[in-house]
N, C-alpha and C. Protein backbone atom coordinates (compact mmCIF):
# COMPACT_ATOMS: atom_id res chain seq x y z
N UNK A 1 -13.19 -3.60 -0.51
CA UNK A 1 -12.54 -2.38 -0.13
C UNK A 1 -11.06 -2.60 0.10
N UNK A 2 -10.22 -1.76 -0.33
CA UNK A 2 -8.73 -1.87 -0.18
C UNK A 2 -8.32 -0.74 0.74
N UNK A 3 -7.34 -1.01 1.62
CA UNK A 3 -6.80 0.02 2.49
C UNK A 3 -5.35 0.12 2.40
N UNK A 4 -4.70 1.34 2.50
CA UNK A 4 -3.42 1.49 2.40
C UNK A 4 -3.02 2.84 2.90
N UNK A 5 -1.66 3.19 2.93
CA UNK A 5 -1.15 4.53 3.25
C UNK A 5 -0.25 4.94 2.17
N UNK A 6 -0.14 6.25 1.89
CA UNK A 6 0.75 6.81 0.87
C UNK A 6 1.57 7.86 1.56
N UNK A 7 2.98 7.81 1.34
CA UNK A 7 3.81 8.82 1.86
C UNK A 7 3.53 10.21 1.32
N UNK A 8 3.59 11.27 2.06
CA UNK A 8 3.48 12.62 1.59
C UNK A 8 4.61 13.39 2.23
N UNK A 9 5.62 13.61 1.54
CA UNK A 9 6.76 14.30 2.02
C UNK A 9 6.50 15.78 2.36
N UNK A 10 7.05 16.26 3.41
CA UNK A 10 6.74 17.60 3.81
C UNK A 10 7.23 18.59 2.92
N UNK A 11 6.56 19.72 2.83
CA UNK A 11 7.02 20.78 2.00
C UNK A 11 8.08 21.67 2.66
N UNK A 12 8.27 21.47 3.99
CA UNK A 12 9.32 22.21 4.72
C UNK A 12 10.56 21.48 4.89
N UNK A 13 11.41 21.88 5.90
CA UNK A 13 12.61 21.24 6.14
C UNK A 13 12.56 20.01 6.97
N UNK A 14 13.52 19.16 6.93
CA UNK A 14 13.54 17.83 7.61
C UNK A 14 14.26 18.03 8.96
N UNK A 15 13.62 17.44 9.98
CA UNK A 15 14.19 17.47 11.39
C UNK A 15 14.87 16.20 11.59
N UNK A 16 16.20 16.16 11.49
CA UNK A 16 16.99 14.94 11.63
C UNK A 16 16.93 14.40 13.07
N UNK A 17 17.06 13.09 13.16
CA UNK A 17 17.08 12.42 14.40
C UNK A 17 17.90 12.98 15.51
N UNK A 18 19.17 13.32 15.11
CA UNK A 18 20.10 13.81 16.04
C UNK A 18 19.73 15.13 16.66
N UNK A 19 19.21 16.02 15.88
CA UNK A 19 18.68 17.33 16.34
C UNK A 19 17.45 17.24 17.08
N UNK A 20 16.55 16.23 16.66
CA UNK A 20 15.36 16.03 17.38
C UNK A 20 15.59 15.56 18.78
N UNK A 21 16.48 14.62 19.02
CA UNK A 21 16.77 14.12 20.24
C UNK A 21 17.46 15.21 21.26
N UNK A 22 18.09 16.15 20.55
CA UNK A 22 18.76 17.19 21.28
C UNK A 22 17.74 18.35 21.60
N UNK A 23 16.72 18.31 20.90
CA UNK A 23 15.62 19.38 20.97
C UNK A 23 16.13 20.60 20.31
N UNK A 24 17.05 20.47 19.23
CA UNK A 24 17.58 21.60 18.52
C UNK A 24 16.83 21.71 17.24
N UNK A 25 16.40 22.93 16.81
CA UNK A 25 15.71 23.23 15.62
C UNK A 25 16.71 24.18 14.73
N UNK A 26 17.55 23.58 13.80
CA UNK A 26 18.58 24.38 13.29
C UNK A 26 18.06 25.44 12.36
N UNK A 27 16.83 25.29 11.82
CA UNK A 27 16.32 26.36 10.89
C UNK A 27 14.80 26.44 11.02
N UNK A 28 14.32 27.66 10.84
CA UNK A 28 12.87 27.97 10.93
C UNK A 28 12.05 27.28 9.97
N UNK A 29 12.65 26.72 8.86
CA UNK A 29 11.78 26.04 7.80
C UNK A 29 11.48 24.63 8.21
N UNK A 30 12.13 24.14 9.21
CA UNK A 30 11.98 22.71 9.71
C UNK A 30 10.53 22.45 10.13
N UNK A 31 10.00 21.35 9.68
CA UNK A 31 8.60 20.95 10.12
C UNK A 31 8.71 20.14 11.41
N UNK A 32 8.54 20.76 12.53
CA UNK A 32 8.68 20.09 13.81
C UNK A 32 7.51 19.16 14.08
N UNK A 33 6.34 19.35 13.40
CA UNK A 33 5.15 18.51 13.61
C UNK A 33 5.37 17.10 12.91
N UNK A 34 6.12 17.11 11.81
CA UNK A 34 6.20 15.92 11.06
C UNK A 34 7.03 14.82 11.72
N UNK A 35 7.00 13.63 11.06
CA UNK A 35 7.68 12.45 11.66
C UNK A 35 8.32 11.63 10.54
N UNK A 36 9.17 10.71 11.00
CA UNK A 36 9.88 9.83 10.07
C UNK A 36 8.99 8.49 9.98
N UNK A 37 9.16 7.88 8.79
CA UNK A 37 8.56 6.60 8.59
C UNK A 37 9.30 5.83 7.53
N UNK A 38 9.04 4.51 7.38
CA UNK A 38 9.76 3.77 6.35
C UNK A 38 8.80 2.71 5.81
N UNK A 39 8.96 2.51 4.52
CA UNK A 39 8.17 1.42 3.84
C UNK A 39 9.05 0.59 2.94
N UNK A 40 8.72 -0.62 2.60
CA UNK A 40 9.59 -1.43 1.79
C UNK A 40 9.68 -0.87 0.42
N UNK A 41 8.65 -0.11 -0.06
CA UNK A 41 8.71 0.36 -1.41
C UNK A 41 9.34 1.75 -1.49
N UNK A 42 8.97 2.64 -0.61
CA UNK A 42 9.39 4.06 -0.68
C UNK A 42 10.68 4.30 0.16
N UNK A 43 10.99 3.41 1.04
CA UNK A 43 12.16 3.70 1.92
C UNK A 43 11.78 4.70 2.97
N UNK A 44 12.77 5.49 3.50
CA UNK A 44 12.57 6.44 4.51
C UNK A 44 11.90 7.71 3.89
N UNK A 45 11.12 8.41 4.66
CA UNK A 45 10.63 9.67 4.25
C UNK A 45 10.15 10.44 5.49
N UNK A 46 10.16 11.80 5.38
CA UNK A 46 9.79 12.66 6.54
C UNK A 46 8.62 13.50 6.16
N UNK A 47 7.65 13.46 6.96
CA UNK A 47 6.45 14.22 6.66
C UNK A 47 5.19 13.58 7.21
N UNK A 48 4.21 13.35 6.32
CA UNK A 48 2.85 12.82 6.61
C UNK A 48 2.60 11.66 5.86
N UNK A 49 1.38 11.09 6.03
CA UNK A 49 0.92 9.99 5.21
C UNK A 49 -0.58 10.07 5.04
N UNK A 50 -1.01 9.69 3.76
CA UNK A 50 -2.44 9.70 3.52
C UNK A 50 -2.96 8.26 3.67
N UNK A 51 -3.73 8.00 4.71
CA UNK A 51 -4.38 6.72 4.85
C UNK A 51 -5.72 6.72 3.94
N UNK A 52 -6.02 5.71 3.28
CA UNK A 52 -7.26 5.70 2.47
C UNK A 52 -7.87 4.35 2.39
N UNK A 53 -9.17 4.31 2.24
CA UNK A 53 -9.93 3.14 1.92
C UNK A 53 -10.71 3.41 0.71
N UNK A 54 -10.47 2.52 -0.27
CA UNK A 54 -11.05 2.71 -1.70
C UNK A 54 -11.82 1.43 -2.09
N UNK A 55 -12.90 1.61 -2.77
CA UNK A 55 -13.63 0.44 -3.28
C UNK A 55 -12.76 -0.27 -4.35
N UNK A 56 -12.93 -1.56 -4.44
CA UNK A 56 -12.28 -2.33 -5.42
C UNK A 56 -13.31 -2.63 -6.50
N UNK A 57 -13.10 -2.08 -7.71
CA UNK A 57 -14.05 -2.22 -8.83
C UNK A 57 -13.69 -1.32 -9.99
N UNK A 58 -14.64 -1.19 -10.82
CA UNK A 58 -14.45 -0.44 -12.07
C UNK A 58 -14.17 1.09 -11.71
N UNK A 59 -14.69 1.56 -10.61
CA UNK A 59 -14.67 2.95 -10.24
C UNK A 59 -13.96 3.04 -8.84
N UNK A 60 -13.01 3.90 -8.76
CA UNK A 60 -12.25 4.09 -7.51
C UNK A 60 -13.01 5.07 -6.56
N UNK A 61 -13.75 4.61 -5.73
CA UNK A 61 -14.64 5.41 -4.83
C UNK A 61 -13.97 5.45 -3.37
N UNK A 62 -13.47 6.62 -2.96
CA UNK A 62 -12.89 6.63 -1.64
C UNK A 62 -14.07 6.60 -0.54
N UNK A 63 -13.90 5.70 0.40
CA UNK A 63 -14.91 5.47 1.45
C UNK A 63 -14.43 6.12 2.82
N UNK A 64 -13.13 6.27 2.90
CA UNK A 64 -12.54 6.85 4.17
C UNK A 64 -11.20 7.37 3.82
N UNK A 65 -10.71 8.46 4.49
CA UNK A 65 -9.40 8.97 4.37
C UNK A 65 -8.96 9.86 5.50
N UNK A 66 -7.71 9.86 5.77
CA UNK A 66 -7.16 10.64 6.88
C UNK A 66 -5.67 10.92 6.62
N UNK A 67 -5.18 12.07 6.92
CA UNK A 67 -3.90 12.53 6.96
C UNK A 67 -3.28 12.65 8.32
N UNK A 68 -2.11 11.91 8.50
CA UNK A 68 -1.64 11.97 9.85
C UNK A 68 -0.04 12.16 9.69
N UNK A 69 0.57 12.31 10.87
CA UNK A 69 2.07 12.28 10.89
C UNK A 69 2.54 10.97 10.41
N UNK A 70 3.67 10.89 9.73
CA UNK A 70 4.18 9.70 9.13
C UNK A 70 4.35 8.56 10.02
N UNK A 71 4.64 8.71 11.29
CA UNK A 71 5.00 7.53 12.08
C UNK A 71 3.71 7.06 12.93
N UNK A 72 2.52 7.46 12.49
CA UNK A 72 1.29 6.91 13.03
C UNK A 72 1.06 5.56 12.41
N UNK A 73 0.85 4.47 13.14
CA UNK A 73 0.66 3.10 12.56
C UNK A 73 -0.65 2.95 11.82
N UNK A 74 -0.58 2.09 10.82
CA UNK A 74 -1.78 1.80 9.97
C UNK A 74 -2.87 1.17 10.83
N UNK A 75 -2.47 0.19 11.61
CA UNK A 75 -3.52 -0.44 12.52
C UNK A 75 -4.03 0.44 13.62
N UNK A 76 -3.31 1.48 13.87
CA UNK A 76 -3.83 2.53 14.76
C UNK A 76 -4.92 3.41 14.13
N UNK A 77 -4.81 3.71 12.91
CA UNK A 77 -5.68 4.61 12.21
C UNK A 77 -6.96 3.89 11.72
N UNK A 78 -6.81 2.64 11.25
CA UNK A 78 -7.84 2.02 10.56
C UNK A 78 -9.11 1.84 11.48
N UNK A 79 -9.01 1.38 12.71
CA UNK A 79 -10.22 1.18 13.54
C UNK A 79 -11.10 2.47 13.77
N UNK A 80 -10.50 3.62 13.55
CA UNK A 80 -11.34 4.90 13.65
C UNK A 80 -12.23 5.04 12.45
N UNK A 81 -12.05 4.23 11.33
CA UNK A 81 -12.88 4.30 10.20
C UNK A 81 -14.18 3.48 10.35
N UNK A 82 -14.27 2.62 11.34
CA UNK A 82 -15.37 1.66 11.39
C UNK A 82 -16.73 2.38 11.30
N UNK A 83 -16.94 3.47 11.91
CA UNK A 83 -18.19 4.06 11.79
C UNK A 83 -18.55 4.82 10.49
N UNK A 84 -17.43 4.94 9.67
CA UNK A 84 -17.59 5.62 8.41
C UNK A 84 -17.97 4.68 7.25
N UNK A 85 -17.60 3.43 7.40
CA UNK A 85 -17.69 2.46 6.32
C UNK A 85 -19.12 1.99 6.10
N UNK A 86 -19.54 1.94 4.85
CA UNK A 86 -20.93 1.48 4.66
C UNK A 86 -21.09 0.02 5.06
N UNK A 87 -22.32 -0.38 5.41
CA UNK A 87 -22.59 -1.73 5.89
C UNK A 87 -22.48 -2.77 4.78
N UNK A 88 -22.49 -2.24 3.47
CA UNK A 88 -22.30 -3.19 2.35
C UNK A 88 -20.96 -3.82 2.17
N UNK A 89 -19.94 -3.17 2.93
CA UNK A 89 -18.58 -3.81 2.79
C UNK A 89 -18.60 -5.14 3.31
N UNK A 90 -17.90 -6.16 2.45
CA UNK A 90 -17.85 -7.52 2.84
C UNK A 90 -16.42 -8.02 2.98
N UNK A 91 -15.47 -7.31 2.35
CA UNK A 91 -14.02 -7.81 2.40
C UNK A 91 -13.19 -6.51 2.47
N UNK A 92 -12.16 -6.53 3.36
CA UNK A 92 -11.27 -5.46 3.51
C UNK A 92 -9.86 -6.02 3.19
N UNK A 93 -9.23 -5.46 2.19
CA UNK A 93 -7.96 -6.03 1.71
C UNK A 93 -6.81 -5.11 2.15
N UNK A 94 -5.89 -5.62 2.88
CA UNK A 94 -4.74 -4.80 3.43
C UNK A 94 -3.46 -5.49 3.41
N UNK A 95 -2.34 -4.79 3.63
CA UNK A 95 -1.01 -5.50 3.81
C UNK A 95 -0.81 -5.92 5.29
N UNK A 96 0.44 -6.26 5.49
CA UNK A 96 0.82 -6.89 6.79
C UNK A 96 0.47 -5.89 7.97
N UNK A 97 0.62 -4.57 7.75
CA UNK A 97 0.48 -3.64 8.87
C UNK A 97 -0.96 -3.55 9.29
N UNK A 98 -1.91 -4.05 8.52
CA UNK A 98 -3.36 -4.05 8.88
C UNK A 98 -3.77 -5.32 9.54
N UNK A 99 -2.87 -6.33 9.61
CA UNK A 99 -3.16 -7.62 10.16
C UNK A 99 -3.18 -7.47 11.67
N UNK A 100 -4.25 -6.89 12.14
CA UNK A 100 -4.27 -6.66 13.56
C UNK A 100 -5.55 -7.43 14.16
N UNK A 101 -5.33 -8.24 15.22
CA UNK A 101 -6.49 -9.03 15.74
C UNK A 101 -7.67 -8.20 16.20
N UNK A 102 -7.37 -7.09 16.82
CA UNK A 102 -8.52 -6.28 17.27
C UNK A 102 -9.37 -5.78 16.20
N UNK A 103 -8.69 -5.24 15.15
CA UNK A 103 -9.46 -4.74 13.98
C UNK A 103 -10.12 -5.86 13.27
N UNK A 104 -9.57 -7.03 13.23
CA UNK A 104 -10.15 -8.18 12.56
C UNK A 104 -11.49 -8.54 13.33
N UNK A 105 -11.44 -8.53 14.62
CA UNK A 105 -12.54 -8.92 15.44
C UNK A 105 -13.73 -7.81 15.30
N UNK A 106 -13.33 -6.49 15.27
CA UNK A 106 -14.35 -5.40 15.10
C UNK A 106 -14.96 -5.58 13.69
N UNK A 107 -14.19 -5.95 12.72
CA UNK A 107 -14.76 -6.05 11.38
C UNK A 107 -15.81 -7.18 11.29
N UNK A 108 -15.46 -8.30 11.96
CA UNK A 108 -16.39 -9.50 11.89
C UNK A 108 -17.66 -9.08 12.57
N UNK A 109 -17.60 -8.31 13.62
CA UNK A 109 -18.78 -7.84 14.26
C UNK A 109 -19.70 -7.00 13.29
N UNK A 110 -19.08 -6.34 12.38
CA UNK A 110 -19.86 -5.53 11.40
C UNK A 110 -20.11 -6.32 10.09
N UNK A 111 -19.71 -7.54 9.97
CA UNK A 111 -20.11 -8.36 8.83
C UNK A 111 -19.09 -8.48 7.79
N UNK A 112 -17.85 -7.87 7.89
CA UNK A 112 -16.81 -8.05 6.87
C UNK A 112 -15.57 -8.72 7.37
N UNK A 113 -14.85 -9.31 6.41
CA UNK A 113 -13.68 -10.17 6.71
C UNK A 113 -12.44 -9.40 6.25
N UNK A 114 -11.44 -9.41 7.24
CA UNK A 114 -10.10 -8.80 6.90
C UNK A 114 -9.24 -9.77 6.13
N UNK A 115 -8.81 -9.39 4.94
CA UNK A 115 -7.85 -10.31 4.11
C UNK A 115 -6.58 -9.58 4.09
N UNK A 116 -5.56 -9.93 4.91
CA UNK A 116 -4.33 -9.21 4.94
C UNK A 116 -3.18 -10.20 4.86
N UNK A 117 -2.10 -9.61 4.42
CA UNK A 117 -0.83 -10.45 4.35
C UNK A 117 -0.38 -10.90 5.69
N UNK A 118 0.04 -12.17 5.74
CA UNK A 118 0.42 -12.75 6.99
C UNK A 118 1.85 -12.40 7.31
N UNK A 119 2.27 -12.25 8.56
CA UNK A 119 3.63 -12.13 8.95
C UNK A 119 4.43 -13.33 8.92
N UNK A 120 5.73 -13.33 8.92
CA UNK A 120 6.49 -14.58 8.94
C UNK A 120 7.20 -14.78 7.54
N UNK A 121 8.10 -15.76 7.54
CA UNK A 121 8.90 -16.00 6.43
C UNK A 121 8.08 -16.59 5.21
N UNK A 122 8.46 -16.22 4.00
CA UNK A 122 7.84 -16.76 2.73
C UNK A 122 8.45 -17.92 2.31
N UNK A 123 7.86 -18.79 1.47
CA UNK A 123 6.41 -18.70 1.20
C UNK A 123 5.56 -19.26 2.36
N UNK A 124 4.32 -18.64 2.51
CA UNK A 124 3.37 -19.18 3.47
C UNK A 124 2.78 -20.37 3.05
N UNK A 125 2.44 -21.26 4.01
CA UNK A 125 1.89 -22.63 3.64
C UNK A 125 0.52 -22.83 4.16
N UNK A 126 -0.11 -21.86 4.80
CA UNK A 126 -1.39 -21.99 5.43
C UNK A 126 -2.51 -22.17 4.33
N UNK A 127 -3.68 -22.57 4.80
CA UNK A 127 -4.82 -22.83 3.87
C UNK A 127 -5.29 -21.70 3.07
N UNK A 128 -5.07 -20.45 3.64
CA UNK A 128 -5.65 -19.31 3.00
C UNK A 128 -4.74 -18.54 2.11
N UNK A 129 -3.46 -19.06 1.87
CA UNK A 129 -2.56 -18.32 1.04
C UNK A 129 -3.02 -18.13 -0.38
N UNK A 130 -3.61 -19.13 -1.01
CA UNK A 130 -4.05 -18.88 -2.42
C UNK A 130 -5.16 -17.87 -2.54
N UNK A 131 -6.00 -17.88 -1.57
CA UNK A 131 -7.15 -16.93 -1.57
C UNK A 131 -6.54 -15.41 -1.48
N UNK A 132 -5.59 -15.30 -0.53
CA UNK A 132 -5.00 -13.98 -0.33
C UNK A 132 -4.24 -13.54 -1.53
N UNK A 133 -3.66 -14.39 -2.31
CA UNK A 133 -2.91 -14.03 -3.47
C UNK A 133 -3.92 -13.46 -4.53
N UNK A 134 -5.14 -13.99 -4.66
CA UNK A 134 -6.18 -13.49 -5.56
C UNK A 134 -6.58 -12.10 -5.13
N UNK A 135 -6.87 -11.92 -3.85
CA UNK A 135 -7.32 -10.63 -3.26
C UNK A 135 -6.24 -9.55 -3.40
N UNK A 136 -4.95 -9.96 -3.20
CA UNK A 136 -3.86 -9.03 -3.28
C UNK A 136 -3.72 -8.44 -4.65
N UNK A 137 -3.98 -9.33 -5.73
CA UNK A 137 -3.90 -8.75 -7.13
C UNK A 137 -5.04 -7.79 -7.43
N UNK A 138 -6.13 -7.88 -6.68
CA UNK A 138 -7.16 -6.93 -6.80
C UNK A 138 -6.80 -5.54 -6.10
N UNK A 139 -6.11 -5.69 -5.02
CA UNK A 139 -5.87 -4.45 -4.13
C UNK A 139 -4.95 -3.42 -4.84
N UNK A 140 -3.94 -3.81 -5.42
CA UNK A 140 -3.00 -2.82 -6.05
C UNK A 140 -3.69 -1.98 -7.21
N UNK A 141 -4.41 -2.64 -8.02
CA UNK A 141 -5.03 -1.79 -9.12
C UNK A 141 -6.11 -0.85 -8.63
N UNK A 142 -6.66 -1.11 -7.40
CA UNK A 142 -7.65 -0.09 -6.85
C UNK A 142 -6.91 1.03 -6.18
N UNK A 143 -5.67 0.84 -5.60
CA UNK A 143 -5.08 1.86 -4.84
C UNK A 143 -4.14 2.68 -5.61
N UNK A 144 -3.34 2.11 -6.31
CA UNK A 144 -2.16 2.89 -7.05
C UNK A 144 -2.71 3.88 -8.02
N UNK A 145 -3.69 3.52 -8.99
CA UNK A 145 -4.11 4.44 -9.91
C UNK A 145 -4.87 5.60 -9.22
N UNK A 146 -5.54 5.36 -8.12
CA UNK A 146 -6.31 6.42 -7.34
C UNK A 146 -5.29 7.51 -6.84
N UNK A 147 -4.23 7.06 -6.21
CA UNK A 147 -3.25 7.92 -5.75
C UNK A 147 -2.45 8.62 -6.92
N UNK A 148 -2.21 7.80 -7.93
CA UNK A 148 -1.55 8.31 -9.11
C UNK A 148 -2.28 9.56 -9.70
N UNK A 149 -3.51 9.43 -9.70
CA UNK A 149 -4.42 10.53 -10.30
C UNK A 149 -4.14 11.87 -9.56
N UNK A 150 -4.00 11.88 -8.21
CA UNK A 150 -3.78 13.04 -7.42
C UNK A 150 -2.45 13.51 -7.60
N UNK A 151 -1.47 12.63 -7.71
CA UNK A 151 -0.04 13.03 -7.91
C UNK A 151 0.10 13.74 -9.29
N UNK A 152 -0.71 13.34 -10.29
CA UNK A 152 -0.68 13.83 -11.57
C UNK A 152 -1.35 15.23 -11.72
N UNK A 153 -2.61 15.20 -11.20
CA UNK A 153 -3.41 16.50 -11.20
C UNK A 153 -2.93 17.55 -10.33
N UNK A 154 -2.59 17.15 -9.10
CA UNK A 154 -2.22 18.11 -8.08
C UNK A 154 -0.74 18.27 -7.88
N UNK A 155 0.02 17.61 -8.65
CA UNK A 155 1.52 17.61 -8.69
C UNK A 155 2.12 17.43 -7.32
N UNK A 156 1.72 16.15 -6.71
CA UNK A 156 2.30 15.72 -5.45
C UNK A 156 3.44 14.76 -5.71
N UNK A 157 4.04 14.89 -6.87
CA UNK A 157 5.07 13.90 -7.23
C UNK A 157 6.27 13.72 -6.25
N UNK A 158 6.67 14.80 -5.72
CA UNK A 158 7.89 14.83 -4.85
C UNK A 158 7.45 15.19 -3.44
N UNK A 159 7.03 16.48 -3.20
CA UNK A 159 6.63 16.90 -1.90
C UNK A 159 5.30 17.67 -1.96
N UNK A 160 4.79 17.79 -0.73
CA UNK A 160 3.56 18.54 -0.59
C UNK A 160 3.87 20.04 -0.97
N UNK A 161 3.01 20.71 -1.67
CA UNK A 161 3.24 22.12 -1.99
C UNK A 161 2.95 23.13 -0.85
N UNK A 162 2.53 22.55 0.33
CA UNK A 162 2.25 23.39 1.49
C UNK A 162 3.05 22.82 2.63
N UNK A 163 3.05 23.73 3.75
CA UNK A 163 3.80 23.25 4.97
C UNK A 163 2.81 23.09 6.07
N UNK A 164 3.11 22.23 7.09
CA UNK A 164 2.26 22.08 8.19
C UNK A 164 1.31 20.97 8.09
N UNK A 165 0.94 20.28 9.18
CA UNK A 165 0.07 19.17 9.06
C UNK A 165 -1.45 19.62 8.68
N UNK A 166 -1.86 20.71 9.30
CA UNK A 166 -3.22 21.17 8.98
C UNK A 166 -3.40 21.59 7.58
N UNK A 167 -2.49 22.30 7.04
CA UNK A 167 -2.58 22.70 5.60
C UNK A 167 -2.51 21.38 4.72
N UNK A 168 -1.66 20.46 5.06
CA UNK A 168 -1.51 19.25 4.22
C UNK A 168 -2.79 18.49 4.29
N UNK A 169 -3.54 18.47 5.54
CA UNK A 169 -4.76 17.78 5.67
C UNK A 169 -5.81 18.47 4.81
N UNK A 170 -5.86 19.73 4.81
CA UNK A 170 -6.80 20.55 4.00
C UNK A 170 -6.68 20.24 2.57
N UNK A 171 -5.38 20.19 2.08
CA UNK A 171 -5.13 20.00 0.73
C UNK A 171 -5.46 18.55 0.22
N UNK A 172 -4.97 17.55 0.98
CA UNK A 172 -5.15 16.17 0.60
C UNK A 172 -6.59 15.66 0.67
N UNK A 173 -7.19 16.01 1.88
CA UNK A 173 -8.58 15.55 2.09
C UNK A 173 -9.53 16.39 1.21
N UNK A 174 -9.21 17.59 1.02
CA UNK A 174 -10.01 18.49 0.10
C UNK A 174 -9.97 17.89 -1.35
N UNK A 175 -8.81 17.42 -1.73
CA UNK A 175 -8.77 16.76 -3.05
C UNK A 175 -9.59 15.49 -3.18
N UNK A 176 -9.63 14.66 -1.97
CA UNK A 176 -10.47 13.52 -2.03
C UNK A 176 -11.92 13.85 -2.02
N UNK A 177 -12.30 14.84 -1.35
CA UNK A 177 -13.65 15.36 -1.39
C UNK A 177 -14.05 15.90 -2.74
N UNK A 178 -13.14 16.58 -3.41
CA UNK A 178 -13.38 17.13 -4.75
C UNK A 178 -13.60 15.97 -5.78
N UNK A 179 -12.82 14.92 -5.69
CA UNK A 179 -12.95 13.76 -6.43
C UNK A 179 -14.34 13.13 -6.33
N UNK A 180 -14.84 13.08 -5.04
CA UNK A 180 -16.18 12.44 -4.86
C UNK A 180 -17.22 13.44 -5.48
N UNK A 181 -17.08 14.72 -5.39
CA UNK A 181 -17.98 15.64 -6.02
C UNK A 181 -18.05 15.37 -7.46
N UNK A 182 -16.96 15.27 -8.09
CA UNK A 182 -16.82 14.98 -9.58
C UNK A 182 -17.60 13.78 -10.01
N UNK A 183 -17.42 12.67 -9.18
CA UNK A 183 -18.04 11.40 -9.49
C UNK A 183 -19.63 11.60 -9.31
N UNK A 184 -20.02 12.37 -8.36
CA UNK A 184 -21.51 12.71 -8.17
C UNK A 184 -21.96 13.50 -9.34
N UNK A 185 -21.23 14.46 -9.79
CA UNK A 185 -21.53 15.19 -11.03
C UNK A 185 -21.74 14.26 -12.22
N UNK A 186 -20.84 13.33 -12.39
CA UNK A 186 -21.01 12.47 -13.55
C UNK A 186 -22.21 11.51 -13.37
N UNK A 187 -22.41 11.07 -12.14
CA UNK A 187 -23.58 10.24 -11.89
C UNK A 187 -24.84 10.89 -12.14
N UNK A 188 -25.02 12.13 -11.79
CA UNK A 188 -26.28 12.91 -11.94
C UNK A 188 -26.52 13.19 -13.36
N UNK A 189 -25.55 13.30 -14.13
CA UNK A 189 -25.70 13.67 -15.57
C UNK A 189 -25.61 12.34 -16.45
N UNK A 190 -25.62 11.22 -15.91
CA UNK A 190 -25.61 10.02 -16.63
C UNK A 190 -24.37 9.84 -17.51
N UNK A 191 -23.27 10.41 -16.95
CA UNK A 191 -21.93 10.30 -17.66
C UNK A 191 -21.26 9.05 -17.22
N UNK A 192 -20.31 8.45 -18.01
CA UNK A 192 -19.57 7.33 -17.57
C UNK A 192 -18.72 7.69 -16.37
N UNK A 193 -18.92 6.93 -15.33
CA UNK A 193 -18.17 7.31 -14.05
C UNK A 193 -16.69 7.03 -14.22
N UNK A 194 -15.91 8.07 -13.83
CA UNK A 194 -14.50 8.00 -13.87
C UNK A 194 -13.77 8.24 -15.14
N UNK A 195 -14.57 8.46 -16.20
CA UNK A 195 -14.05 8.68 -17.55
C UNK A 195 -13.86 10.23 -17.73
N UNK A 196 -12.63 10.51 -18.23
CA UNK A 196 -12.31 12.02 -18.40
C UNK A 196 -12.28 12.73 -17.17
N UNK A 197 -11.88 12.13 -16.05
CA UNK A 197 -11.95 12.72 -14.71
C UNK A 197 -10.84 13.75 -14.52
N UNK A 198 -9.75 13.59 -15.20
CA UNK A 198 -8.58 14.47 -14.99
C UNK A 198 -8.96 15.94 -15.45
N UNK A 199 -9.48 16.11 -16.66
CA UNK A 199 -9.88 17.48 -17.03
C UNK A 199 -10.92 18.12 -16.13
N UNK A 200 -11.86 17.31 -15.61
CA UNK A 200 -12.79 17.81 -14.67
C UNK A 200 -12.21 18.36 -13.36
N UNK A 201 -11.29 17.48 -12.89
CA UNK A 201 -10.55 17.93 -11.69
C UNK A 201 -9.75 19.13 -11.80
N UNK A 202 -9.02 19.29 -12.98
CA UNK A 202 -8.31 20.45 -13.23
C UNK A 202 -9.14 21.59 -13.29
N UNK A 203 -10.32 21.55 -14.03
CA UNK A 203 -11.30 22.60 -14.16
C UNK A 203 -11.72 23.08 -12.75
N UNK A 204 -12.02 22.09 -11.95
CA UNK A 204 -12.59 22.43 -10.58
C UNK A 204 -11.63 23.11 -9.76
């Protein structure tokens, strides 16, 4: 299983830090619920984030998902998924933000091992570095195409087409649920799983 978060920029206005600190809302379109966050790949963004756990394999099967304000930490959200994950999970692949001792301990109690990027200067020299490299190469192909599918089909390329946290949750998590229904449809009809899924999602 691979875990990650994806930025979802708000469909409303941005509340800049200066105005937020003053408690001033310059325009009614501003999303006061949203928050700021930053990643090494996407830079700064204002809005929400989609946290997701996806199987690593030929089929991208979402096992857990949640939409939160952008400034909620990955290691804060991930432990809430423990009761949702199937007992068959044996390895959880994550980046540095998921390298949390508490979550690692909780995972070991359930029988899976957390494989996450280590903090500190590169290159790492510990005994597990080569193993983590192998798992990291598996993680990206599982996560990026999955989110790319929704950006393509539902047109999330720039900003969410709705405003507000609740509406963004309904849209994003509803899309994940719809994807699961399409996979179930293919399974029950003995169709190749994940093949031709874009037309099915658009039709749904």
